Amino acid sequence: MDQAEQAQVGHITGRRSTAVASNRDGFTLIELLVVIAIIALLIAVLLPALSRAREVSRRTVCGTNLRQIGIAFQQYTEDFDGWFPAKGHPTISSPTLSELATVQDGASPEWGPNFAGMIRDIVERRNTREGNPTPFYLPEPKVLLCPSDKMNNRPHTTPTTPGELWPTASVNQYAELPRTLPIEGNLGKSFISYFYVALWRITDRGDFLLMADQSNKNDTTVQSFTGLTPEDNHGTRGMNILLLDGHVEWGQLRTGSFDDLQALSNKYWGPIIATRPLQSSDGAANRSSEVQTIE
């Protein structure tokens, strides 16, 4: 074979080698579909884990919020003869604890409605009503909201449809919390993620329930701990619970059913019901008769 023939053969062979190499460098459609399927499978596996991790983080922040509120309320007791925040009676000058218990979620010319009114005009009254330029006990209003809480019921109501739920909203200053029931209704928003048990004294047992995650149902008086749904602060998994001594516990649940919640209720309300009242002359059956749950 002469040099011209060798050059021609080499040229043809080179083109074939380049074509083969070019084909081997690319992906076939089947290979591409396999890669896409693997990526989709990994996303499906990882997303729930990432979602759970984010919820654990939000749950931790929620517990920290409650802990900060507990510290603030303990500081409040130092200024008010050992009593945790509570509203006075609008018409009785020297009410008993049982009489006070009936008005803790109400409003008057002196304080706003529900737990928002308690924060606005009792806890931070020096800021909202007495001219102090800064909050006195709770520096940051943002601690009133759980980061997982997106919707709440209107206080005192149990919605029959999801459309009756109010969206949550944070406030920059406590004066923005609703001052009256009409203002609350017009705003149509929920600013607090927790319910509160009013009329404790610092001498009460440290394991008594002080605050906990709200549900999207009526949590006032004996209505708390009646059920959770996936739309609640932490779904049906459980609740953060603040006790009187200032520490926060995670109330683990199997489901959000009534029976499941009642078991949790018995754990925290059982000791309260078994404790003698502070004012036995008032006719109260036990300590739980002298307090009130508000939201």
C-alpha atoms as a PDB file:
ATOM      1  CA  MET A   1       0.000   0.000   0.000  1.00  0.00           C
ATOM      2  CA  ASP A   2       1.509   3.317  -1.056  1.00  0.00           C
ATOM      3  CA  GLN A   3       1.523   6.473   1.010  1.00  0.00           C
ATOM      4  CA  ALA A   4      -1.584   7.944  -0.659  1.00  0.00           C
ATOM      5  CA  GLU A   5      -3.644   4.820   0.089  1.00  0.00           C
ATOM      6  CA  GLN A   6      -2.398   4.756   3.697  1.00  0.00           C
ATOM      7  CA  ALA A   7      -3.363   8.402   4.155  1.00  0.00           C
ATOM      8  CA  GLN A   8      -6.844   7.737   2.746  1.00  0.00           C
ATOM      9  CA  VAL A   9      -7.342   4.708   5.016  1.00  0.00           C
ATOM     10  CA  GLY A  10      -6.120   6.721   8.025  1.00  0.00           C
ATOM     11  CA  HIS A  11      -8.497   9.546   7.186  1.00  0.00           C
ATOM     12  CA  ILE A  12     -11.498   7.174   6.969  1.00  0.00           C
ATOM     13  CA  THR A  13     -10.480   5.344  10.151  1.00  0.00           C
ATOM     14  CA  GLY A  14     -10.087   8.649  11.988  1.00  0.00           C
ATOM     15  CA  ARG A  15     -13.568   9.775  10.966  1.00  0.00           C
ATOM     16  CA  ARG A  16     -15.060   6.501  12.191  1.00  0.00           C
ATOM     17  CA  SER A  17     -13.176   6.729  15.504  1.00  0.00           C
ATOM     18  CA  THR A  18     -14.382  10.300  15.984  1.00  0.00           C
ATOM     19  CA  ALA A  19     -17.971   9.276  15.245  1.00  0.00           C
ATOM     20  CA  VAL A  20     -17.801   6.371  17.672  1.00  0.00           C
ATOM     21  CA  ALA A  21     -16.243   8.579  20.353  1.00  0.00           C
ATOM     22  CA  SER A  22     -18.862  11.238  19.728  1.00  0.00           C
ATOM     23  CA  ASN A  23     -21.664   8.698  20.186  1.00  0.00           C
ATOM     24  CA  ARG A  24     -20.122   7.368  23.372  1.00  0.00           C
ATOM     25  CA  ASP A  25     -19.745  10.879  24.877  1.00  0.00           C
ATOM     26  CA  GLY A  26     -23.507  11.606  24.829  1.00  0.00           C
ATOM     27  CA  PHE A  27     -26.512  10.183  26.765  1.00  0.00           C
ATOM     28  CA  THR A  28     -29.174   8.053  25.251  1.00  0.00           C
ATOM     29  CA  LEU A  29     -32.808   8.948  25.946  1.00  0.00           C
ATOM     30  CA  ILE A  30     -33.163   5.902  28.189  1.00  0.00           C
ATOM     31  CA  GLU A  31     -30.111   6.893  30.236  1.00  0.00           C
ATOM     32  CA  LEU A  32     -31.466  10.434  30.638  1.00  0.00           C
ATOM     33  CA  LEU A  33     -34.859   9.136  31.801  1.00  0.00           C
ATOM     34  CA  VAL A  34     -33.154   6.855  34.314  1.00  0.00           C
ATOM     35  CA  VAL A  35     -31.174   9.782  35.745  1.00  0.00           C
ATOM     36  CA  ILE A  36     -34.353  11.883  36.007  1.00  0.00           C
ATOM     37  CA  ALA A  37     -36.178   9.037  37.744  1.00  0.00           C
ATOM     38  CA  ILE A  38     -33.340   8.630  40.269  1.00  0.00           C
ATOM     39  CA  ILE A  39     -33.329  12.378  41.020  1.00  0.00           C
ATOM     40  CA  ALA A  40     -37.133  12.368  41.470  1.00  0.00           C
ATOM     41  CA  LEU A  41     -36.861   9.395  43.821  1.00  0.00           C
ATOM     42  CA  LEU A  42     -34.184  11.137  45.909  1.00  0.00           C
ATOM     43  CA  ILE A  43     -36.304  14.285  46.135  1.00  0.00           C
ATOM     44  CA  ALA A  44     -39.324  12.230  47.233  1.00  0.00           C
ATOM     45  CA  VAL A  45     -37.230  10.591  49.946  1.00  0.00           C
ATOM     46  CA  LEU A  46     -35.479  13.751  51.155  1.00  0.00           C
ATOM     47  CA  LEU A  47     -38.340  16.269  51.149  1.00  0.00           C
ATOM     48  CA  PRO A  48     -40.293  14.700  54.036  1.00  0.00           C
ATOM     49  CA  ALA A  49     -37.087  14.481  56.068  1.00  0.00           C
ATOM     50  CA  LEU A  50     -36.312  18.142  55.362  1.00  0.00           C
ATOM     51  CA  SER A  51     -39.885  19.096  56.244  1.00  0.00           C
ATOM     52  CA  ARG A  52     -39.628  17.238  59.547  1.00  0.00           C
ATOM     53  CA  ALA A  53     -36.301  18.924  60.277  1.00  0.00           C
ATOM     54  CA  ARG A  54     -37.819  22.349  59.640  1.00  0.00           C
ATOM     55  CA  GLU A  55     -40.751  21.545  61.919  1.00  0.00           C
ATOM     56  CA  VAL A  56     -38.410  20.397  64.695  1.00  0.00           C
ATOM     57  CA  SER A  57     -36.619  23.730  64.344  1.00  0.00           C
ATOM     58  CA  ARG A  58     -39.888  25.677  64.492  1.00  0.00           C
ATOM     59  CA  ARG A  59     -41.023  23.615  67.480  1.00  0.00           C
ATOM     60  CA  THR A  60     -37.795  24.541  69.268  1.00  0.00           C
ATOM     61  CA  VAL A  61     -38.390  28.243  68.567  1.00  0.00           C
ATOM     62  CA  CYS A  62     -41.960  27.851  69.828  1.00  0.00           C
ATOM     63  CA  GLY A  63     -40.694  26.345  73.086  1.00  0.00           C
ATOM     64  CA  THR A  64     -38.182  29.177  73.421  1.00  0.00           C
ATOM     65  CA  ASN A  65     -41.011  31.702  72.970  1.00  0.00           C
ATOM     66  CA  LEU A  66     -42.972  30.107  75.783  1.00  0.00           C
ATOM     67  CA  ARG A  67     -39.899  30.024  78.003  1.00  0.00           C
ATOM     68  CA  GLN A  68     -39.337  33.757  77.454  1.00  0.00           C
ATOM     69  CA  ILE A  69     -42.975  34.512  78.279  1.00  0.00           C
ATOM     70  CA  GLY A  70     -42.670  32.385  81.425  1.00  0.00           C
ATOM     71  CA  ILE A  71     -39.624  34.354  82.568  1.00  0.00           C
ATOM     72  CA  ALA A  72     -41.456  37.638  81.910  1.00  0.00           C
ATOM     73  CA  PHE A  73     -44.490  36.484  83.884  1.00  0.00           C
ATOM     74  CA  GLN A  74     -42.304  35.414  86.802  1.00  0.00           C
ATOM     75  CA  GLN A  75     -40.773  38.897  86.790  1.00  0.00           C
ATOM     76  CA  TYR A  76     -44.313  40.258  86.817  1.00  0.00           C
ATOM     77  CA  THR A  77     -45.062  38.329  90.033  1.00  0.00           C
ATOM     78  CA  GLU A  78     -42.197  40.150  91.764  1.00  0.00           C
ATOM     79  CA  ASP A  79     -43.998  43.450  91.199  1.00  0.00           C
ATOM     80  CA  PHE A  80     -47.520  42.247  92.028  1.00  0.00           C
ATOM     81  CA  ASP A  81     -47.319  40.444  95.345  1.00  0.00           C
ATOM     82  CA  GLY A  82     -46.616  37.044  93.814  1.00  0.00           C
ATOM     83  CA  TRP A  83     -49.582  37.002  91.414  1.00  0.00           C
ATOM     84  CA  PHE A  84     -49.257  36.092  87.761  1.00  0.00           C
ATOM     85  CA  PRO A  85     -50.962  38.475  85.288  1.00  0.00           C
ATOM     86  CA  ALA A  86     -54.719  38.662  85.732  1.00  0.00           C
ATOM     87  CA  LYS A  87     -57.510  41.116  84.957  1.00  0.00           C
ATOM     88  CA  GLY A  88     -59.455  42.784  87.718  1.00  0.00           C
ATOM     89  CA  HIS A  89     -63.226  42.602  88.082  1.00  0.00           C
ATOM     90  CA  PRO A  90     -64.996  45.450  86.261  1.00  0.00           C
ATOM     91  CA  THR A  91     -67.833  45.817  88.810  1.00  0.00           C
ATOM     92  CA  ILE A  92     -66.822  44.146  92.119  1.00  0.00           C
ATOM     93  CA  SER A  93     -64.315  46.032  94.264  1.00  0.00           C
ATOM     94  CA  SER A  94     -63.119  43.042  96.322  1.00  0.00           C
ATOM     95  CA  PRO A  95     -63.830  39.968  94.225  1.00  0.00           C
ATOM     96  CA  THR A  96     -63.023  36.417  95.193  1.00  0.00           C
ATOM     97  CA  LEU A  97     -60.813  34.285  92.967  1.00  0.00           C
ATOM     98  CA  SER A  98     -63.847  32.422  91.670  1.00  0.00           C
ATOM     99  CA  GLU A  99     -65.470  35.726  90.724  1.00  0.00           C
ATOM    100  CA  LEU A 100     -62.300  36.913  89.028  1.00  0.00           C
ATOM    101  CA  ALA A 101     -62.108  33.659  87.092  1.00  0.00           C
ATOM    102  CA  THR A 102     -65.332  34.490  85.253  1.00  0.00           C
ATOM    103  CA  VAL A 103     -63.987  37.735  83.725  1.00  0.00           C
ATOM    104  CA  GLN A 104     -60.442  36.903  82.613  1.00  0.00           C
ATOM    105  CA  ASP A 105     -61.324  36.690  78.924  1.00  0.00           C
ATOM    106  CA  GLY A 106     -63.601  39.742  79.015  1.00  0.00           C
ATOM    107  CA  ALA A 107     -63.002  43.393  78.142  1.00  0.00           C
ATOM    108  CA  SER A 108     -63.616  46.638  80.023  1.00  0.00           C
ATOM    109  CA  PRO A 109     -62.638  50.312  79.712  1.00  0.00           C
ATOM    110  CA  GLU A 110     -59.391  49.330  81.442  1.00  0.00           C
ATOM    111  CA  TRP A 111     -58.334  46.301  79.400  1.00  0.00           C
ATOM    112  CA  GLY A 112     -58.964  44.626  76.082  1.00  0.00           C
ATOM    113  CA  PRO A 113     -60.542  41.223  75.367  1.00  0.00           C
ATOM    114  CA  ASN A 114     -59.075  37.748  75.655  1.00  0.00           C
ATOM    115  CA  PHE A 115     -55.378  36.917  76.034  1.00  0.00           C
ATOM    116  CA  ALA A 116     -54.396  39.730  73.651  1.00  0.00           C
ATOM    117  CA  GLY A 117     -56.039  42.159  76.075  1.00  0.00           C
ATOM    118  CA  MET A 118     -54.148  40.556  78.958  1.00  0.00           C
ATOM    119  CA  ILE A 119     -50.840  41.171  77.213  1.00  0.00           C
ATOM    120  CA  ARG A 120     -51.778  44.624  75.951  1.00  0.00           C
ATOM    121  CA  ASP A 121     -53.345  46.197  79.018  1.00  0.00           C
ATOM    122  CA  ILE A 122     -52.167  44.110  81.987  1.00  0.00           C
ATOM    123  CA  VAL A 123     -48.668  42.748  81.272  1.00  0.00           C
ATOM    124  CA  GLU A 124     -47.496  45.704  79.164  1.00  0.00           C
ATOM    125  CA  ARG A 125     -49.841  48.335  80.560  1.00  0.00           C
ATOM    126  CA  ARG A 126     -46.939  50.648  81.360  1.00  0.00           C
ATOM    127  CA  ASN A 127     -46.143  50.735  77.659  1.00  0.00           C
ATOM    128  CA  THR A 128     -49.651  50.810  76.143  1.00  0.00           C
ATOM    129  CA  ARG A 129     -51.585  52.801  78.769  1.00  0.00           C
ATOM    130  CA  GLU A 130     -49.123  54.667  80.973  1.00  0.00           C
ATOM    131  CA  GLY A 131     -46.734  56.216  78.476  1.00  0.00           C
ATOM    132  CA  ASN A 132     -43.585  54.153  78.970  1.00  0.00           C
ATOM    133  CA  PRO A 133     -41.899  54.226  75.543  1.00  0.00           C
ATOM    134  CA  THR A 134     -40.654  50.637  75.704  1.00  0.00           C
ATOM    135  CA  PRO A 135     -42.192  47.318  76.806  1.00  0.00           C
ATOM    136  CA  PHE A 136     -41.446  46.501  80.417  1.00  0.00           C
ATOM    137  CA  TYR A 137     -41.606  42.691  80.686  1.00  0.00           C
ATOM    138  CA  LEU A 138     -41.696  41.310  77.115  1.00  0.00           C
ATOM    139  CA  PRO A 139     -39.268  43.258  74.880  1.00  0.00           C
ATOM    140  CA  GLU A 140     -40.271  41.465  71.664  1.00  0.00           C
ATOM    141  CA  PRO A 141     -43.940  41.020  70.589  1.00  0.00           C
ATOM    142  CA  LYS A 142     -42.812  38.351  68.103  1.00  0.00           C
ATOM    143  CA  VAL A 143     -42.627  35.774  70.929  1.00  0.00           C
ATOM    144  CA  LEU A 144     -46.442  35.723  70.984  1.00  0.00           C
ATOM    145  CA  LEU A 145     -46.520  33.765  67.718  1.00  0.00           C
ATOM    146  CA  CYS A 146     -45.395  30.188  67.122  1.00  0.00           C
ATOM    147  CA  PRO A 147     -43.483  30.053  63.790  1.00  0.00           C
ATOM    148  CA  SER A 148     -45.567  27.033  62.748  1.00  0.00           C
ATOM    149  CA  ASP A 149     -48.888  28.763  63.436  1.00  0.00           C
ATOM    150  CA  LYS A 150     -50.587  30.012  60.266  1.00  0.00           C
ATOM    151  CA  MET A 151     -54.298  30.010  61.161  1.00  0.00           C
ATOM    152  CA  ASN A 152     -56.343  30.308  64.381  1.00  0.00           C
ATOM    153  CA  ASN A 153     -59.949  30.308  65.438  1.00  0.00           C
ATOM    154  CA  ARG A 154     -61.627  33.484  66.603  1.00  0.00           C
ATOM    155  CA  PRO A 155     -61.554  33.432  70.442  1.00  0.00           C
ATOM    156  CA  HIS A 156     -64.544  31.670  72.030  1.00  0.00           C
ATOM    157  CA  THR A 157     -65.529  29.944  68.818  1.00  0.00           C
ATOM    158  CA  THR A 158     -64.987  26.563  67.205  1.00  0.00           C
ATOM    159  CA  PRO A 159     -65.094  27.030  63.412  1.00  0.00           C
ATOM    160  CA  THR A 160     -67.288  24.685  61.419  1.00  0.00           C
ATOM    161  CA  THR A 161     -65.459  25.360  58.137  1.00  0.00           C
ATOM    162  CA  PRO A 162     -61.799  26.154  57.376  1.00  0.00           C
ATOM    163  CA  GLY A 163     -62.928  29.498  55.953  1.00  0.00           C
ATOM    164  CA  GLU A 164     -63.859  30.674  59.439  1.00  0.00           C
ATOM    165  CA  LEU A 165     -60.250  30.520  60.630  1.00  0.00           C
ATOM    166  CA  TRP A 166     -58.293  33.750  61.005  1.00  0.00           C
ATOM    167  CA  PRO A 167     -54.777  34.145  59.585  1.00  0.00           C
ATOM    168  CA  THR A 168     -52.052  34.835  62.115  1.00  0.00           C
ATOM    169  CA  ALA A 169     -50.143  38.113  62.084  1.00  0.00           C
ATOM    170  CA  SER A 170     -47.320  39.523  64.164  1.00  0.00           C
ATOM    171  CA  VAL A 171     -47.316  42.979  65.727  1.00  0.00           C
ATOM    172  CA  ASN A 172     -44.421  45.399  66.042  1.00  0.00           C
ATOM    173  CA  GLN A 173     -45.717  46.982  69.239  1.00  0.00           C
ATOM    174  CA  TYR A 174     -48.246  45.897  71.843  1.00  0.00           C
ATOM    175  CA  ALA A 175     -50.534  48.879  71.199  1.00  0.00           C
ATOM    176  CA  GLU A 176     -51.414  47.211  67.868  1.00  0.00           C
ATOM    177  CA  LEU A 177     -53.216  44.370  69.660  1.00  0.00           C
ATOM    178  CA  PRO A 178     -57.024  44.779  69.509  1.00  0.00           C
ATOM    179  CA  ARG A 179     -58.375  47.163  72.134  1.00  0.00           C
ATOM    180  CA  THR A 180     -62.052  46.136  71.908  1.00  0.00           C
ATOM    181  CA  LEU A 181     -64.151  43.256  70.603  1.00  0.00           C
ATOM    182  CA  PRO A 182     -65.356  45.256  67.546  1.00  0.00           C
ATOM    183  CA  ILE A 183     -61.747  46.112  66.657  1.00  0.00           C
ATOM    184  CA  GLU A 184     -60.785  42.461  67.081  1.00  0.00           C
ATOM    185  CA  GLY A 185     -63.606  41.400  64.743  1.00  0.00           C
ATOM    186  CA  ASN A 186     -62.751  44.030  62.129  1.00  0.00           C
ATOM    187  CA  LEU A 187     -59.080  43.043  62.102  1.00  0.00           C
ATOM    188  CA  GLY A 188     -59.987  39.388  61.610  1.00  0.00           C
ATOM    189  CA  LYS A 189     -56.516  38.215  62.569  1.00  0.00           C
ATOM    190  CA  SER A 190     -54.962  36.214  65.372  1.00  0.00           C
ATOM    191  CA  PHE A 191     -51.881  37.634  67.071  1.00  0.00           C
ATOM    192  CA  ILE A 192     -51.163  34.996  69.743  1.00  0.00           C
ATOM    193  CA  SER A 193     -50.510  31.271  69.309  1.00  0.00           C
ATOM    194  CA  TYR A 194     -50.926  30.183  72.942  1.00  0.00           C
ATOM    195  CA  PHE A 195     -53.598  29.867  75.593  1.00  0.00           C
ATOM    196  CA  TYR A 196     -53.046  31.028  79.157  1.00  0.00           C
ATOM    197  CA  VAL A 197     -54.323  29.963  82.552  1.00  0.00           C
ATOM    198  CA  ALA A 198     -54.946  33.091  84.651  1.00  0.00           C
ATOM    199  CA  LEU A 199     -55.020  33.599  88.439  1.00  0.00           C
ATOM    200  CA  TRP A 200     -52.032  31.538  89.529  1.00  0.00           C
ATOM    201  CA  ARG A 201     -49.865  32.685  92.409  1.00  0.00           C
ATOM    202  CA  ILE A 202     -46.122  32.084  92.699  1.00  0.00           C
ATOM    203  CA  THR A 203     -46.798  29.858  95.729  1.00  0.00           C
ATOM    204  CA  ASP A 204     -48.764  27.400  93.585  1.00  0.00           C
ATOM    205  CA  ARG A 205     -47.103  24.161  92.542  1.00  0.00           C
ATOM    206  CA  GLY A 206     -44.385  24.474  89.913  1.00  0.00           C
ATOM    207  CA  ASP A 207     -45.854  21.644  87.817  1.00  0.00           C
ATOM    208  CA  PHE A 208     -49.153  23.492  87.250  1.00  0.00           C
ATOM    209  CA  LEU A 209     -50.038  24.381  83.649  1.00  0.00           C
ATOM    210  CA  LEU A 210     -49.442  28.057  82.780  1.00  0.00           C
ATOM    211  CA  MET A 211     -49.529  28.194  78.954  1.00  0.00           C
ATOM    212  CA  ALA A 212     -49.606  25.868  75.947  1.00  0.00           C
ATOM    213  CA  ASP A 213     -50.067  25.803  72.184  1.00  0.00           C
ATOM    214  CA  GLN A 214     -53.556  26.795  71.099  1.00  0.00           C
ATOM    215  CA  SER A 215     -55.655  24.543  68.934  1.00  0.00           C
ATOM    216  CA  ASN A 216     -57.877  25.906  66.153  1.00  0.00           C
ATOM    217  CA  LYS A 217     -60.856  25.251  68.418  1.00  0.00           C
ATOM    218  CA  ASN A 218     -62.242  27.093  71.423  1.00  0.00           C
ATOM    219  CA  ASP A 219     -59.584  26.666  74.125  1.00  0.00           C
ATOM    220  CA  THR A 220     -61.264  28.763  76.829  1.00  0.00           C
ATOM    221  CA  THR A 221     -62.347  27.393  80.219  1.00  0.00           C
ATOM    222  CA  VAL A 222     -62.801  23.600  79.996  1.00  0.00           C
ATOM    223  CA  GLN A 223     -62.650  23.489  76.178  1.00  0.00           C
ATOM    224  CA  SER A 224     -58.845  23.154  75.927  1.00  0.00           C
ATOM    225  CA  PHE A 225     -57.275  19.776  75.142  1.00  0.00           C
ATOM    226  CA  THR A 226     -60.272  18.638  73.078  1.00  0.00           C
ATOM    227  CA  GLY A 227     -58.551  17.842  69.779  1.00  0.00           C
ATOM    228  CA  LEU A 228     -55.878  18.786  67.242  1.00  0.00           C
ATOM    229  CA  THR A 229     -55.817  18.797  63.442  1.00  0.00           C
ATOM    230  CA  PRO A 230     -52.926  18.927  60.934  1.00  0.00           C
ATOM    231  CA  GLU A 231     -53.541  22.700  60.654  1.00  0.00           C
ATOM    232  CA  ASP A 232     -52.733  23.345  64.334  1.00  0.00           C
ATOM    233  CA  ASN A 233     -49.387  24.744  65.530  1.00  0.00           C
ATOM    234  CA  HIS A 234     -47.563  21.402  65.391  1.00  0.00           C
ATOM    235  CA  GLY A 235     -50.229  19.324  63.719  1.00  0.00           C
ATOM    236  CA  THR A 236     -51.346  16.269  65.651  1.00  0.00           C
ATOM    237  CA  ARG A 237     -47.846  15.437  66.897  1.00  0.00           C
ATOM    238  CA  GLY A 238     -48.064  17.280  70.196  1.00  0.00           C
ATOM    239  CA  MET A 239     -47.959  20.581  72.072  1.00  0.00           C
ATOM    240  CA  ASN A 240     -45.378  22.730  73.804  1.00  0.00           C
ATOM    241  CA  ILE A 241     -46.473  23.253  77.406  1.00  0.00           C
ATOM    242  CA  LEU A 242     -45.161  25.903  79.810  1.00  0.00           C
ATOM    243  CA  LEU A 243     -45.353  25.097  83.511  1.00  0.00           C
ATOM    244  CA  LEU A 244     -45.486  27.479  86.451  1.00  0.00           C
ATOM    245  CA  ASP A 245     -41.840  26.948  87.378  1.00  0.00           C
ATOM    246  CA  GLY A 246     -40.832  28.302  83.947  1.00  0.00           C
ATOM    247  CA  HIS A 247     -39.749  25.157  82.132  1.00  0.00           C
ATOM    248  CA  VAL A 248     -41.299  23.912  78.884  1.00  0.00           C
ATOM    249  CA  GLU A 249     -42.273  20.317  78.162  1.00  0.00           C
ATOM    250  CA  TRP A 250     -43.194  18.667  74.867  1.00  0.00           C
ATOM    251  CA  GLY A 251     -46.548  16.935  75.210  1.00  0.00           C
ATOM    252  CA  GLN A 252     -46.148  14.028  72.788  1.00  0.00           C
ATOM    253  CA  LEU A 253     -49.319  12.677  71.149  1.00  0.00           C
ATOM    254  CA  ARG A 254     -50.049   9.588  69.096  1.00  0.00           C
ATOM    255  CA  THR A 255     -52.929  11.336  67.310  1.00  0.00           C
ATOM    256  CA  GLY A 256     -54.878  14.538  67.726  1.00  0.00           C
ATOM    257  CA  SER A 257     -58.039  12.746  68.811  1.00  0.00           C
ATOM    258  CA  PHE A 258     -60.196  13.765  71.763  1.00  0.00           C
ATOM    259  CA  ASP A 259     -59.200  10.696  73.790  1.00  0.00           C
ATOM    260  CA  ASP A 260     -55.512  11.309  73.120  1.00  0.00           C
ATOM    261  CA  LEU A 261     -55.798  14.963  74.176  1.00  0.00           C
ATOM    262  CA  GLN A 262     -57.776  14.026  77.271  1.00  0.00           C
ATOM    263  CA  ALA A 263     -54.939  11.794  78.423  1.00  0.00           C
ATOM    264  CA  LEU A 264     -52.634  14.812  78.137  1.00  0.00           C
ATOM    265  CA  SER A 265     -55.210  16.975  79.894  1.00  0.00           C
ATOM    266  CA  ASN A 266     -55.407  14.531  82.790  1.00  0.00           C
ATOM    267  CA  LYS A 267     -51.648  14.697  83.174  1.00  0.00           C
ATOM    268  CA  TYR A 268     -51.617  18.479  83.558  1.00  0.00           C
ATOM    269  CA  TRP A 269     -55.045  19.247  85.011  1.00  0.00           C
ATOM    270  CA  GLY A 270     -55.154  16.239  87.334  1.00  0.00           C
ATOM    271  CA  PRO A 271     -52.814  17.746  89.961  1.00  0.00           C
ATOM    272  CA  ILE A 272     -54.706  21.068  89.781  1.00  0.00           C
ATOM    273  CA  ILE A 273     -58.069  19.408  90.373  1.00  0.00           C
ATOM    274  CA  ALA A 274     -56.566  17.428  93.251  1.00  0.00           C
ATOM    275  CA  THR A 275     -55.255  20.573  94.981  1.00  0.00           C
ATOM    276  CA  ARG A 276     -57.246  22.463  97.596  1.00  0.00           C
ATOM    277  CA  PRO A 277     -58.435  25.973  96.713  1.00  0.00           C
ATOM    278  CA  LEU A 278     -56.592  29.041  97.984  1.00  0.00           C
ATOM    279  CA  GLN A 279     -59.854  30.530  99.263  1.00  0.00           C
ATOM    280  CA  SER A 280     -61.753  27.647 100.806  1.00  0.00           C
ATOM    281  CA  SER A 281     -64.342  30.047 102.254  1.00  0.00           C
ATOM    282  CA  ASP A 282     -65.365  30.969  98.704  1.00  0.00           C
ATOM    283  CA  GLY A 283     -66.942  27.577  98.162  1.00  0.00           C
ATOM    284  CA  ALA A 284     -64.484  26.592  95.415  1.00  0.00           C
ATOM    285  CA  ALA A 285     -64.157  22.833  95.060  1.00  0.00           C
ATOM    286  CA  ASN A 286     -60.452  22.858  94.204  1.00  0.00           C
ATOM    287  CA  ARG A 287     -57.743  25.087  92.764  1.00  0.00           C
ATOM    288  CA  SER A 288     -59.052  24.676  89.217  1.00  0.00           C
ATOM    289  CA  SER A 289     -62.284  26.422  90.271  1.00  0.00           C
ATOM    290  CA  GLU A 290     -60.276  29.594  90.940  1.00  0.00           C
ATOM    291  CA  VAL A 291     -58.494  29.899  87.571  1.00  0.00           C
ATOM    292  CA  GLN A 292     -59.581  30.389  83.989  1.00  0.00           C
ATOM    293  CA  THR A 293     -58.152  29.362  80.622  1.00  0.00           C
ATOM    294  CA  ILE A 294     -58.216  32.099  77.991  1.00  0.00           C
ATOM    295  CA  GLU A 295     -56.939  32.407  74.425  1.00  0.00           C
END
